[in-house]
Amino acid sequence: MSSVLDEPTRDERAFRSTGLPPIGLWWPMLERPLRREVLENVDAPLRAVVVRRIFELCELDPGRAPRLGVRLGDNERAYIAGWMHSVDWT
């Protein structure tokens, strides 16, 4: 018996590289105070409560969320930069 594994999708690769689901799924739903916290320093590690909330928003088990050292990758930071240009924060 043999099995064939499909190539991982782009979203699965993104999930593995940062430990987070694709940002397009959770960023639009993330609450404003948590967004502001992330925007204060997009290069800083995310607090565990933020990561847990991201997993909840994506209907993933928050108990499986990484707890320490989760940072946004280049793609996530680029997504946020583009989002900031299209949204009025006032």
N, C-alpha and C. Protein backbone atom coordinates (compact mmCIF):
# COMPACT_ATOMS: atom_id res chain seq x y z
N MET A 1 0.85 -1.17 0.00
CA MET A 1 0.00 0.00 0.00
C MET A 1 0.90 1.23 0.00
N SER A 2 0.52 2.18 -0.81
CA SER A 2 1.27 3.43 -0.85
C SER A 2 0.30 4.58 -0.72
N SER A 3 0.84 5.70 -0.36
CA SER A 3 0.00 6.89 -0.26
C SER A 3 0.73 8.05 -0.90
N VAL A 4 -0.02 8.95 -1.44
CA VAL A 4 0.52 10.14 -2.08
C VAL A 4 0.08 11.34 -1.28
N LEU A 5 1.02 12.15 -0.93
CA LEU A 5 0.71 13.38 -0.20
C LEU A 5 0.73 14.54 -1.17
N ASP A 6 -0.31 15.35 -1.11
CA ASP A 6 -0.35 16.53 -1.94
C ASP A 6 0.65 17.55 -1.43
N GLU A 7 1.07 18.40 -2.33
CA GLU A 7 1.92 19.51 -1.93
C GLU A 7 1.14 20.39 -0.97
N PRO A 8 1.79 20.91 0.06
CA PRO A 8 1.05 21.81 0.96
C PRO A 8 0.59 23.05 0.20
N THR A 9 -0.57 23.53 0.57
CA THR A 9 -1.07 24.75 -0.05
C THR A 9 -0.26 25.94 0.46
N ARG A 10 -0.43 27.05 -0.22
CA ARG A 10 0.28 28.26 0.17
C ARG A 10 -0.07 28.64 1.60
N ASP A 11 -1.35 28.51 1.98
CA ASP A 11 -1.80 28.86 3.33
C ASP A 11 -1.15 27.96 4.37
N GLU A 12 -1.02 26.67 4.07
CA GLU A 12 -0.39 25.74 5.02
C GLU A 12 1.08 26.09 5.20
N ARG A 13 1.75 26.47 4.13
CA ARG A 13 3.17 26.87 4.24
C ARG A 13 3.30 28.12 5.11
N ALA A 14 2.39 29.08 4.92
CA ALA A 14 2.41 30.31 5.72
C ALA A 14 2.19 29.98 7.19
N PHE A 15 1.27 29.07 7.46
CA PHE A 15 0.97 28.67 8.84
C PHE A 15 2.20 28.06 9.49
N ARG A 16 2.93 27.25 8.76
CA ARG A 16 4.12 26.61 9.33
C ARG A 16 5.25 27.60 9.56
N SER A 17 5.40 28.59 8.70
CA SER A 17 6.55 29.48 8.81
C SER A 17 6.45 30.43 10.01
N THR A 18 5.25 30.91 10.35
CA THR A 18 5.12 31.86 11.45
C THR A 18 4.43 31.25 12.67
N GLY A 19 3.77 30.13 12.49
CA GLY A 19 3.01 29.54 13.58
C GLY A 19 1.60 30.10 13.67
N LEU A 20 1.25 31.01 12.75
CA LEU A 20 -0.07 31.63 12.76
C LEU A 20 -0.84 31.24 11.50
N PRO A 21 -2.16 31.25 11.59
CA PRO A 21 -2.97 31.06 10.39
C PRO A 21 -2.74 32.23 9.43
N PRO A 22 -3.18 32.13 8.19
CA PRO A 22 -3.01 33.25 7.24
C PRO A 22 -3.64 34.53 7.76
N ILE A 23 -2.91 35.61 7.65
CA ILE A 23 -3.34 36.88 8.23
C ILE A 23 -4.63 37.41 7.62
N GLY A 24 -4.90 37.08 6.38
CA GLY A 24 -6.14 37.54 5.75
C GLY A 24 -7.38 36.98 6.41
N LEU A 25 -7.23 35.90 7.16
CA LEU A 25 -8.36 35.31 7.88
C LEU A 25 -8.64 36.04 9.18
N TRP A 26 -7.60 36.36 9.93
CA TRP A 26 -7.82 36.87 11.29
C TRP A 26 -7.67 38.38 11.44
N TRP A 27 -6.87 39.04 10.65
CA TRP A 27 -6.64 40.47 10.85
C TRP A 27 -7.93 41.29 10.74
N PRO A 28 -8.78 41.04 9.73
CA PRO A 28 -10.02 41.83 9.66
C PRO A 28 -10.95 41.64 10.86
N MET A 29 -10.86 40.50 11.54
CA MET A 29 -11.74 40.22 12.68
C MET A 29 -11.11 40.58 14.03
N LEU A 30 -9.81 40.83 14.06
CA LEU A 30 -9.12 41.12 15.31
C LEU A 30 -9.65 42.42 15.91
N GLU A 31 -9.91 42.42 17.19
CA GLU A 31 -10.47 43.59 17.86
C GLU A 31 -9.49 44.75 17.79
N ARG A 32 -10.06 45.96 17.76
CA ARG A 32 -9.27 47.18 17.60
C ARG A 32 -8.16 47.32 18.66
N PRO A 33 -8.40 47.08 19.95
CA PRO A 33 -7.30 47.21 20.92
C PRO A 33 -6.14 46.25 20.64
N LEU A 34 -6.46 45.03 20.19
CA LEU A 34 -5.39 44.08 19.88
C LEU A 34 -4.65 44.49 18.60
N ARG A 35 -5.39 45.02 17.64
CA ARG A 35 -4.73 45.53 16.42
C ARG A 35 -3.75 46.64 16.78
N ARG A 36 -4.22 47.57 17.62
CA ARG A 36 -3.33 48.68 18.00
C ARG A 36 -2.07 48.17 18.69
N GLU A 37 -2.24 47.16 19.52
CA GLU A 37 -1.08 46.58 20.20
C GLU A 37 -0.08 46.01 19.20
N VAL A 38 -0.59 45.31 18.21
CA VAL A 38 0.29 44.74 17.18
C VAL A 38 0.96 45.86 16.39
N LEU A 39 0.20 46.89 16.07
CA LEU A 39 0.73 48.00 15.27
C LEU A 39 1.77 48.83 16.00
N GLU A 40 1.76 48.82 17.33
CA GLU A 40 2.75 49.58 18.09
C GLU A 40 4.17 49.13 17.75
N ASN A 41 4.34 47.84 17.52
CA ASN A 41 5.65 47.32 17.12
C ASN A 41 5.44 46.00 16.38
N VAL A 42 5.34 46.09 15.07
CA VAL A 42 5.05 44.88 14.27
C VAL A 42 6.20 43.89 14.27
N ASP A 43 7.37 44.32 14.72
CA ASP A 43 8.53 43.41 14.77
C ASP A 43 8.65 42.68 16.11
N ALA A 44 7.90 43.12 17.11
CA ALA A 44 7.98 42.51 18.44
C ALA A 44 7.23 41.17 18.47
N PRO A 45 7.64 40.29 19.37
CA PRO A 45 6.87 39.04 19.53
C PRO A 45 5.45 39.36 20.01
N LEU A 46 4.49 38.59 19.54
CA LEU A 46 3.10 38.78 19.95
C LEU A 46 2.89 38.19 21.34
N ARG A 47 2.09 38.87 22.14
CA ARG A 47 1.76 38.32 23.45
C ARG A 47 0.91 37.07 23.27
N ALA A 48 0.99 36.17 24.24
CA ALA A 48 0.25 34.90 24.17
C ALA A 48 -1.24 35.14 24.03
N VAL A 49 -1.78 36.18 24.68
CA VAL A 49 -3.22 36.45 24.61
C VAL A 49 -3.62 36.83 23.18
N VAL A 50 -2.76 37.51 22.46
CA VAL A 50 -3.06 37.89 21.07
C VAL A 50 -3.05 36.65 20.19
N VAL A 51 -2.05 35.80 20.37
CA VAL A 51 -1.96 34.57 19.58
C VAL A 51 -3.16 33.66 19.86
N ARG A 52 -3.53 33.57 21.13
CA ARG A 52 -4.69 32.75 21.50
C ARG A 52 -5.96 33.28 20.83
N ARG A 53 -6.12 34.61 20.81
CA ARG A 53 -7.31 35.20 20.18
C ARG A 53 -7.32 34.95 18.68
N ILE A 54 -6.16 35.01 18.05
CA ILE A 54 -6.06 34.73 16.61
C ILE A 54 -6.54 33.31 16.33
N PHE A 55 -6.11 32.36 17.15
CA PHE A 55 -6.54 30.97 16.98
C PHE A 55 -8.05 30.84 17.18
N GLU A 56 -8.59 31.55 18.16
CA GLU A 56 -10.04 31.50 18.40
C GLU A 56 -10.80 32.06 17.20
N LEU A 57 -10.34 33.17 16.65
CA LEU A 57 -11.01 33.78 15.51
C LEU A 57 -11.01 32.85 14.30
N CYS A 58 -9.97 32.05 14.16
CA CYS A 58 -9.86 31.12 13.03
C CYS A 58 -10.46 29.76 13.35
N GLU A 59 -11.15 29.68 14.49
CA GLU A 59 -11.79 28.45 14.94
C GLU A 59 -10.81 27.28 15.04
N LEU A 60 -9.62 27.60 15.53
CA LEU A 60 -8.60 26.60 15.80
C LEU A 60 -8.49 26.42 17.31
N ASP A 61 -7.98 25.30 17.73
CA ASP A 61 -7.83 25.02 19.15
C ASP A 61 -6.80 25.96 19.76
N PRO A 62 -7.22 26.90 20.63
CA PRO A 62 -6.26 27.84 21.22
C PRO A 62 -5.21 27.14 22.08
N GLY A 63 -5.51 25.93 22.55
CA GLY A 63 -4.53 25.18 23.33
C GLY A 63 -3.33 24.74 22.51
N ARG A 64 -3.48 24.71 21.19
CA ARG A 64 -2.37 24.33 20.30
C ARG A 64 -1.58 25.54 19.80
N ALA A 65 -1.98 26.72 20.21
CA ALA A 65 -1.29 27.94 19.76
C ALA A 65 0.10 28.01 20.37
N PRO A 66 1.09 28.42 19.58
CA PRO A 66 2.41 28.63 20.16
C PRO A 66 2.33 29.72 21.23
N ARG A 67 3.12 29.60 22.26
CA ARG A 67 3.00 30.53 23.38
C ARG A 67 4.07 31.62 23.39
N LEU A 68 5.25 31.32 22.95
CA LEU A 68 6.35 32.28 23.05
C LEU A 68 7.03 32.49 21.70
N GLY A 69 7.49 33.70 21.50
CA GLY A 69 8.33 34.00 20.35
C GLY A 69 7.62 34.04 19.01
N VAL A 70 6.30 34.18 19.00
CA VAL A 70 5.58 34.26 17.73
C VAL A 70 5.71 35.68 17.20
N ARG A 71 6.24 35.77 16.01
CA ARG A 71 6.41 37.08 15.36
C ARG A 71 5.74 37.06 14.01
N LEU A 72 5.36 38.23 13.55
CA LEU A 72 4.80 38.36 12.22
C LEU A 72 5.93 38.18 11.20
N GLY A 73 5.64 37.49 10.13
CA GLY A 73 6.61 37.31 9.06
C GLY A 73 6.56 38.47 8.08
N ASP A 74 7.38 38.40 7.07
CA ASP A 74 7.42 39.46 6.05
C ASP A 74 6.06 39.65 5.38
N ASN A 75 5.40 38.55 5.06
CA ASN A 75 4.09 38.64 4.39
C ASN A 75 3.05 39.29 5.28
N GLU A 76 3.06 38.96 6.57
CA GLU A 76 2.10 39.57 7.49
C GLU A 76 2.35 41.06 7.64
N ARG A 77 3.62 41.44 7.75
CA ARG A 77 3.93 42.87 7.87
C ARG A 77 3.56 43.63 6.60
N ALA A 78 3.75 43.01 5.44
CA ALA A 78 3.36 43.65 4.18
C ALA A 78 1.84 43.79 4.09
N TYR A 79 1.12 42.76 4.53
CA TYR A 79 -0.34 42.82 4.54
C TYR A 79 -0.82 43.98 5.41
N ILE A 80 -0.24 44.11 6.60
CA ILE A 80 -0.63 45.18 7.53
C ILE A 80 -0.29 46.55 6.94
N ALA A 81 0.86 46.67 6.30
CA ALA A 81 1.23 47.95 5.69
C ALA A 81 0.22 48.35 4.61
N GLY A 82 -0.19 47.39 3.79
CA GLY A 82 -1.19 47.67 2.77
C GLY A 82 -2.54 48.00 3.37
N TRP A 83 -2.87 47.28 4.43
CA TRP A 83 -4.14 47.51 5.11
C TRP A 83 -4.17 48.92 5.71
N MET A 84 -3.06 49.36 6.30
CA MET A 84 -3.00 50.68 6.93
C MET A 84 -3.22 51.79 5.90
N HIS A 85 -2.77 51.57 4.68
CA HIS A 85 -2.96 52.59 3.64
C HIS A 85 -4.41 52.67 3.19
N SER A 86 -5.16 51.61 3.39
CA SER A 86 -6.54 51.60 2.89
C SER A 86 -7.59 51.87 3.97
N VAL A 87 -7.18 51.99 5.23
CA VAL A 87 -8.13 52.16 6.33
C VAL A 87 -7.85 53.47 7.05
N ASP A 88 -8.91 54.18 7.38
CA ASP A 88 -8.78 55.40 8.15
C ASP A 88 -8.94 55.04 9.63
N TRP A 89 -7.93 55.34 10.44
CA TRP A 89 -7.96 54.98 11.86
C TRP A 89 -8.59 56.05 12.74
N THR A 90 -9.07 57.13 12.18
CA THR A 90 -9.64 58.17 13.04
C THR A 90 -11.04 57.91 13.44
